[in-house]
Amino acid sequence: MMFPITAYIEAALGLARYDKLEDGSFAGDIPKLKGVAAFGDTLRECEGELRSTLEDWILVGLRLGQKLPVLAGIDLNKVQHGRLATA
């Protein structure tokens, strides 16, 4: 069984796109999630940075009460048992 936040992160990362830059480094973003972008010297580093940025983006968004987009049918905005799905 996968926790909702884990499923959300995996769904979001499945939407990620990466570009190799002129200097050989990489840039990655998740177009459906405004502001989620990262850079790295290697593709693996960029992927790790993007995951970290995404995790922070989710936690800050939930903490500030911002509505997060529903991805793959996963809605982190729903309250379950009086608590957020990720709490």
Protein backbone atom coordinates (compact mmCIF):
# COMPACT_ATOMS: atom_id res chain seq x y z
CA MET A 1 0.00 0.00 0.00
CA MET A 2 1.35 3.38 -1.00
CA PHE A 3 0.67 6.50 1.08
CA PRO A 4 -1.18 9.26 -0.80
CA ILE A 5 1.76 11.67 -0.66
CA THR A 6 4.12 9.02 -2.03
CA ALA A 7 1.71 8.20 -4.86
CA TYR A 8 1.35 11.94 -5.59
CA ILE A 9 5.13 12.40 -5.76
CA GLU A 10 5.53 9.43 -8.09
CA ALA A 11 2.70 10.67 -10.32
CA ALA A 12 4.23 14.15 -10.45
CA LEU A 13 7.69 12.83 -11.27
CA GLY A 14 6.14 10.81 -14.09
CA LEU A 15 5.16 14.16 -15.64
CA ALA A 16 8.66 15.62 -15.31
CA ARG A 17 10.58 16.76 -18.34
CA TYR A 18 14.33 17.22 -18.54
CA ASP A 19 16.55 19.18 -20.88
CA LYS A 20 20.27 19.04 -21.39
CA LEU A 21 21.65 22.57 -21.33
CA GLU A 22 24.43 24.01 -23.48
CA ASP A 23 26.98 23.65 -20.69
CA GLY A 24 26.17 19.93 -20.32
CA SER A 25 24.16 20.31 -17.11
CA PHE A 26 20.47 19.45 -16.83
CA ALA A 27 17.27 21.30 -16.05
CA GLY A 28 14.05 19.62 -15.01
CA ASP A 29 10.54 20.78 -14.32
CA ILE A 30 7.01 19.53 -13.81
CA PRO A 31 4.84 21.72 -16.05
CA LYS A 32 1.57 21.03 -14.17
CA LEU A 33 3.13 22.21 -10.89
CA LYS A 34 3.99 25.89 -11.09
CA GLY A 35 7.44 26.67 -9.73
CA VAL A 36 8.68 23.09 -9.44
CA ALA A 37 12.01 23.15 -11.26
CA ALA A 38 15.57 22.07 -10.54
CA PHE A 39 19.05 21.91 -12.03
CA GLY A 40 21.95 19.48 -11.73
CA ASP A 41 25.34 18.72 -13.21
CA THR A 42 24.08 15.25 -14.19
CA LEU A 43 20.65 13.90 -15.03
CA ARG A 44 20.63 11.82 -11.83
CA GLU A 45 21.51 14.89 -9.75
CA CYS A 46 18.79 16.90 -11.47
CA GLU A 47 16.24 14.16 -10.79
CA GLY A 48 17.18 14.13 -7.11
CA GLU A 49 16.99 17.91 -6.87
CA LEU A 50 13.61 17.90 -8.61
CA ARG A 51 12.26 15.30 -6.15
CA SER A 52 13.49 17.37 -3.21
CA THR A 53 11.99 20.56 -4.65
CA LEU A 54 8.69 18.77 -5.26
CA GLU A 55 8.56 17.44 -1.70
CA ASP A 56 9.20 20.92 -0.28
CA TRP A 57 6.64 22.45 -2.68
CA ILE A 58 3.97 20.00 -1.49
CA LEU A 59 4.68 20.49 2.21
CA VAL A 60 4.80 24.29 2.00
CA GLY A 61 1.65 24.36 -0.12
CA LEU A 62 -0.26 22.22 2.34
CA ARG A 63 1.05 24.19 5.32
CA LEU A 64 -0.04 27.48 3.72
CA GLY A 65 -3.43 26.08 2.73
CA GLN A 66 -2.83 26.39 -1.00
CA LYS A 67 -4.89 24.18 -3.28
CA LEU A 68 -2.64 21.61 -4.94
CA PRO A 69 -3.51 20.22 -8.37
CA VAL A 70 -5.06 16.74 -8.44
CA LEU A 71 -2.68 14.30 -10.15
CA ALA A 72 -3.60 10.77 -11.25
CA GLY A 73 -6.80 11.06 -9.22
CA ILE A 74 -4.83 11.85 -6.04
CA ASP A 75 -6.18 14.86 -4.18
CA LEU A 76 -3.95 15.92 -1.29
CA ASN A 77 -6.38 18.73 -0.48
CA LYS A 78 -8.97 16.33 0.97
CA VAL A 79 -9.33 16.07 4.69
CA GLN A 80 -9.51 12.55 6.10
CA HIS A 81 -10.49 11.86 9.70
CA GLY A 82 -10.13 15.55 10.51
CA ARG A 83 -6.59 15.69 9.14
CA LEU A 84 -4.97 16.33 5.79
CA ALA A 85 -4.19 13.18 3.86
CA THR A 86 -0.47 13.87 4.32
CA ALA A 87 -0.55 14.72 8.03
